Amino acid sequence: MPNTIPDLADIGPSQMDHGLTGWTEQLPRKTQTYRSLQHQMSQLVVTETSADGTVRVSVDSRGVPTELVLTDRAQGVDPARLSAELMSCLRRAHSTLAGRVSNFVTSPAPHSGDHAADDDDPSVSSLLC
């Protein structure tokens, strides 16, 4: 199997300088994009409600519950059933949150237009390259 990693000895100083210059020129833009995505992600809140409306659960961007509500409909309901509804809503909220975070990581930001996945790609995955 051939070695696909370039030998650093074969790369001249001008090629290294060009690559380093390009990388350093992109750094401020990538930093700003990362901060913007980080801020957007930190604002995520997911709320899930039980089908019968007795329970509502909200989680923040880290998955920490920020609201657990038992509505008036919960009066007289078996506590074991309420507990199960709370846990079900919490699991759904976590699942929804994971999907939204995944979208942030893999999708370009909404303000990016129709750019190809290159230097203009403000997704988190492009920041790592």
C-alpha atoms as a PDB file:
ATOM      1  CA  MET A   1       0.000   0.000   0.000  1.00  0.00           C
ATOM      2  CA  PRO A   2       1.550   3.318  -1.062  1.00  0.00           C
ATOM      3  CA  ASN A   3       2.254   6.024   1.491  1.00  0.00           C
ATOM      4  CA  THR A   4      -0.215   8.895   0.877  1.00  0.00           C
ATOM      5  CA  ILE A   5       1.275  11.210   3.502  1.00  0.00           C
ATOM      6  CA  PRO A   6       3.639  13.730   1.922  1.00  0.00           C
ATOM      7  CA  ASP A   7       7.222  13.662   3.074  1.00  0.00           C
ATOM      8  CA  LEU A   8       7.994  16.966   4.780  1.00  0.00           C
ATOM      9  CA  ALA A   9      11.459  16.876   3.252  1.00  0.00           C
ATOM     10  CA  ASP A  10       9.819  17.150  -0.199  1.00  0.00           C
ATOM     11  CA  ILE A  11       7.973  20.351   0.749  1.00  0.00           C
ATOM     12  CA  GLY A  12       9.941  23.483   0.072  1.00  0.00           C
ATOM     13  CA  PRO A  13      10.069  26.524   2.357  1.00  0.00           C
ATOM     14  CA  SER A  14       7.925  28.592  -0.013  1.00  0.00           C
ATOM     15  CA  GLN A  15       5.174  25.945   0.064  1.00  0.00           C
ATOM     16  CA  MET A  16       5.305  25.872   3.862  1.00  0.00           C
ATOM     17  CA  ASP A  17       5.219  29.676   4.047  1.00  0.00           C
ATOM     18  CA  HIS A  18       2.242  29.814   1.675  1.00  0.00           C
ATOM     19  CA  GLY A  19       0.322  27.227   3.711  1.00  0.00           C
ATOM     20  CA  LEU A  20       1.109  28.937   6.989  1.00  0.00           C
ATOM     21  CA  THR A  21       0.180  32.355   5.586  1.00  0.00           C
ATOM     22  CA  GLY A  22      -3.156  31.038   4.336  1.00  0.00           C
ATOM     23  CA  TRP A  23      -3.872  29.408   7.660  1.00  0.00           C
ATOM     24  CA  THR A  24      -3.036  32.544   9.664  1.00  0.00           C
ATOM     25  CA  GLU A  25      -5.130  34.719   7.337  1.00  0.00           C
ATOM     26  CA  GLN A  26      -8.132  32.445   7.945  1.00  0.00           C
ATOM     27  CA  LEU A  27      -7.677  32.282  11.715  1.00  0.00           C
ATOM     28  CA  PRO A  28      -9.578  35.500  12.645  1.00  0.00           C
ATOM     29  CA  ARG A  29     -12.557  34.505  10.463  1.00  0.00           C
ATOM     30  CA  LYS A  30     -12.598  30.976  11.833  1.00  0.00           C
ATOM     31  CA  THR A  31     -12.354  32.312  15.387  1.00  0.00           C
ATOM     32  CA  GLN A  32     -15.321  34.633  14.831  1.00  0.00           C
ATOM     33  CA  THR A  33     -17.328  31.837  13.210  1.00  0.00           C
ATOM     34  CA  TYR A  34     -16.555  29.500  16.110  1.00  0.00           C
ATOM     35  CA  ARG A  35     -17.628  32.145  18.645  1.00  0.00           C
ATOM     36  CA  SER A  36     -20.847  32.777  16.726  1.00  0.00           C
ATOM     37  CA  LEU A  37     -21.689  29.066  16.564  1.00  0.00           C
ATOM     38  CA  GLN A  38     -20.783  28.630  20.216  1.00  0.00           C
ATOM     39  CA  HIS A  39     -23.120  31.504  21.147  1.00  0.00           C
ATOM     40  CA  GLN A  40     -25.947  30.104  19.001  1.00  0.00           C
ATOM     41  CA  MET A  41     -25.528  26.661  20.531  1.00  0.00           C
ATOM     42  CA  SER A  42     -25.475  28.086  24.057  1.00  0.00           C
ATOM     43  CA  GLN A  43     -28.898  29.621  23.405  1.00  0.00           C
ATOM     44  CA  LEU A  44     -30.513  26.279  22.580  1.00  0.00           C
ATOM     45  CA  VAL A  45     -33.468  25.300  24.749  1.00  0.00           C
ATOM     46  CA  VAL A  46     -35.601  22.261  24.040  1.00  0.00           C
ATOM     47  CA  THR A  47     -39.048  21.738  25.563  1.00  0.00           C
ATOM     48  CA  GLU A  48     -41.045  18.523  25.399  1.00  0.00           C
ATOM     49  CA  THR A  49     -44.600  18.013  26.631  1.00  0.00           C
ATOM     50  CA  SER A  50     -46.389  14.766  27.388  1.00  0.00           C
ATOM     51  CA  ALA A  51     -49.141  13.743  24.983  1.00  0.00           C
ATOM     52  CA  ASP A  52     -51.845  14.347  27.611  1.00  0.00           C
ATOM     53  CA  GLY A  53     -50.370  17.717  28.658  1.00  0.00           C
ATOM     54  CA  THR A  54     -49.709  16.745  32.273  1.00  0.00           C
ATOM     55  CA  VAL A  55     -45.919  17.193  32.091  1.00  0.00           C
ATOM     56  CA  ARG A  56     -43.563  19.689  30.437  1.00  0.00           C
ATOM     57  CA  VAL A  57     -39.752  19.490  30.570  1.00  0.00           C
ATOM     58  CA  SER A  58     -37.179  21.962  29.212  1.00  0.00           C
ATOM     59  CA  VAL A  59     -33.423  21.419  28.932  1.00  0.00           C
ATOM     60  CA  ASP A  60     -30.664  23.903  28.178  1.00  0.00           C
ATOM     61  CA  SER A  61     -27.859  23.550  25.637  1.00  0.00           C
ATOM     62  CA  ARG A  62     -25.946  21.217  27.974  1.00  0.00           C
ATOM     63  CA  GLY A  63     -28.958  18.953  28.539  1.00  0.00           C
ATOM     64  CA  VAL A  64     -29.534  20.205  32.076  1.00  0.00           C
ATOM     65  CA  PRO A  65     -33.231  20.414  32.995  1.00  0.00           C
ATOM     66  CA  THR A  66     -34.258  24.039  33.427  1.00  0.00           C
ATOM     67  CA  GLU A  67     -37.992  23.474  33.859  1.00  0.00           C
ATOM     68  CA  LEU A  68     -40.082  20.576  35.158  1.00  0.00           C
ATOM     69  CA  VAL A  69     -43.792  21.429  35.147  1.00  0.00           C
ATOM     70  CA  LEU A  70     -46.727  19.388  36.339  1.00  0.00           C
ATOM     71  CA  THR A  71     -49.879  21.050  35.019  1.00  0.00           C
ATOM     72  CA  ASP A  72     -53.289  21.072  36.716  1.00  0.00           C
ATOM     73  CA  ARG A  73     -54.060  17.923  34.732  1.00  0.00           C
ATOM     74  CA  ALA A  74     -51.534  16.099  36.919  1.00  0.00           C
ATOM     75  CA  GLN A  75     -53.758  16.339  40.000  1.00  0.00           C
ATOM     76  CA  GLY A  76     -54.884  12.886  41.031  1.00  0.00           C
ATOM     77  CA  VAL A  77     -52.633  11.112  38.506  1.00  0.00           C
ATOM     78  CA  ASP A  78     -50.661   8.123  39.798  1.00  0.00           C
ATOM     79  CA  PRO A  79     -47.197   9.353  40.887  1.00  0.00           C
ATOM     80  CA  ALA A  80     -45.498   6.425  39.117  1.00  0.00           C
ATOM     81  CA  ARG A  81     -47.176   7.475  35.856  1.00  0.00           C
ATOM     82  CA  LEU A  82     -46.111  11.113  36.374  1.00  0.00           C
ATOM     83  CA  SER A  83     -42.553   9.994  37.040  1.00  0.00           C
ATOM     84  CA  ALA A  84     -42.573   7.911  33.849  1.00  0.00           C
ATOM     85  CA  GLU A  85     -43.946  10.877  31.867  1.00  0.00           C
ATOM     86  CA  LEU A  86     -41.246  13.169  33.282  1.00  0.00           C
ATOM     87  CA  MET A  87     -38.505  10.723  32.311  1.00  0.00           C
ATOM     88  CA  SER A  88     -40.009  10.195  28.865  1.00  0.00           C
ATOM     89  CA  CYS A  89     -40.155  13.948  28.221  1.00  0.00           C
ATOM     90  CA  LEU A  90     -36.584  14.333  29.487  1.00  0.00           C
ATOM     91  CA  ARG A  91     -35.311  11.587  27.160  1.00  0.00           C
ATOM     92  CA  ARG A  92     -37.137  13.138  24.178  1.00  0.00           C
ATOM     93  CA  ALA A  93     -35.723  16.567  25.035  1.00  0.00           C
ATOM     94  CA  HIS A  94     -32.197  15.132  25.172  1.00  0.00           C
ATOM     95  CA  SER A  95     -32.711  13.358  21.860  1.00  0.00           C
ATOM     96  CA  THR A  96     -34.027  16.520  20.187  1.00  0.00           C
ATOM     97  CA  LEU A  97     -31.148  18.521  21.635  1.00  0.00           C
ATOM     98  CA  ALA A  98     -28.603  16.013  20.307  1.00  0.00           C
ATOM     99  CA  GLY A  99     -30.110  16.339  16.823  1.00  0.00           C
ATOM    100  CA  ARG A 100     -29.952  20.122  16.940  1.00  0.00           C
ATOM    101  CA  VAL A 101     -26.348  20.122  18.142  1.00  0.00           C
ATOM    102  CA  SER A 102     -25.485  17.651  15.387  1.00  0.00           C
ATOM    103  CA  ASN A 103     -27.019  20.038  12.847  1.00  0.00           C
ATOM    104  CA  PHE A 104     -24.844  22.868  14.173  1.00  0.00           C
ATOM    105  CA  VAL A 105     -21.740  20.730  13.807  1.00  0.00           C
ATOM    106  CA  THR A 106     -22.459  19.381  10.316  1.00  0.00           C
ATOM    107  CA  SER A 107     -24.398  22.164   8.604  1.00  0.00           C
ATOM    108  CA  PRO A 108     -23.230  25.570   7.421  1.00  0.00           C
ATOM    109  CA  ALA A 109     -24.609  28.486   9.407  1.00  0.00           C
ATOM    110  CA  PRO A 110     -27.852  29.941   8.002  1.00  0.00           C
ATOM    111  CA  HIS A 111     -26.153  33.213   7.043  1.00  0.00           C
ATOM    112  CA  SER A 112     -23.574  31.504   4.834  1.00  0.00           C
ATOM    113  CA  GLY A 113     -25.634  31.362   1.650  1.00  0.00           C
ATOM    114  CA  ASP A 114     -24.951  28.635  -0.875  1.00  0.00           C
ATOM    115  CA  HIS A 115     -21.194  28.389  -0.453  1.00  0.00           C
ATOM    116  CA  ALA A 116     -19.513  25.078  -1.051  1.00  0.00           C
ATOM    117  CA  ALA A 117     -17.858  23.302   1.852  1.00  0.00           C
ATOM    118  CA  ASP A 118     -14.534  25.149   1.585  1.00  0.00           C
ATOM    119  CA  ASP A 119     -13.007  28.229   3.192  1.00  0.00           C
ATOM    120  CA  ASP A 120     -16.409  29.927   3.242  1.00  0.00           C
ATOM    121  CA  ASP A 121     -18.012  27.022   5.149  1.00  0.00           C
ATOM    122  CA  PRO A 122     -18.759  28.292   8.675  1.00  0.00           C
ATOM    123  CA  SER A 123     -19.678  24.877  10.078  1.00  0.00           C
ATOM    124  CA  VAL A 124     -17.829  23.594  13.103  1.00  0.00           C
ATOM    125  CA  SER A 125     -16.364  20.755  11.037  1.00  0.00           C
ATOM    126  CA  SER A 126     -14.717  23.241   8.664  1.00  0.00           C
ATOM    127  CA  LEU A 127     -13.144  25.073  11.604  1.00  0.00           C
ATOM    128  CA  LEU A 128     -11.213  21.955  12.515  1.00  0.00           C
ATOM    129  CA  CYS A 129      -9.497  21.745   9.121  1.00  0.00           C
END
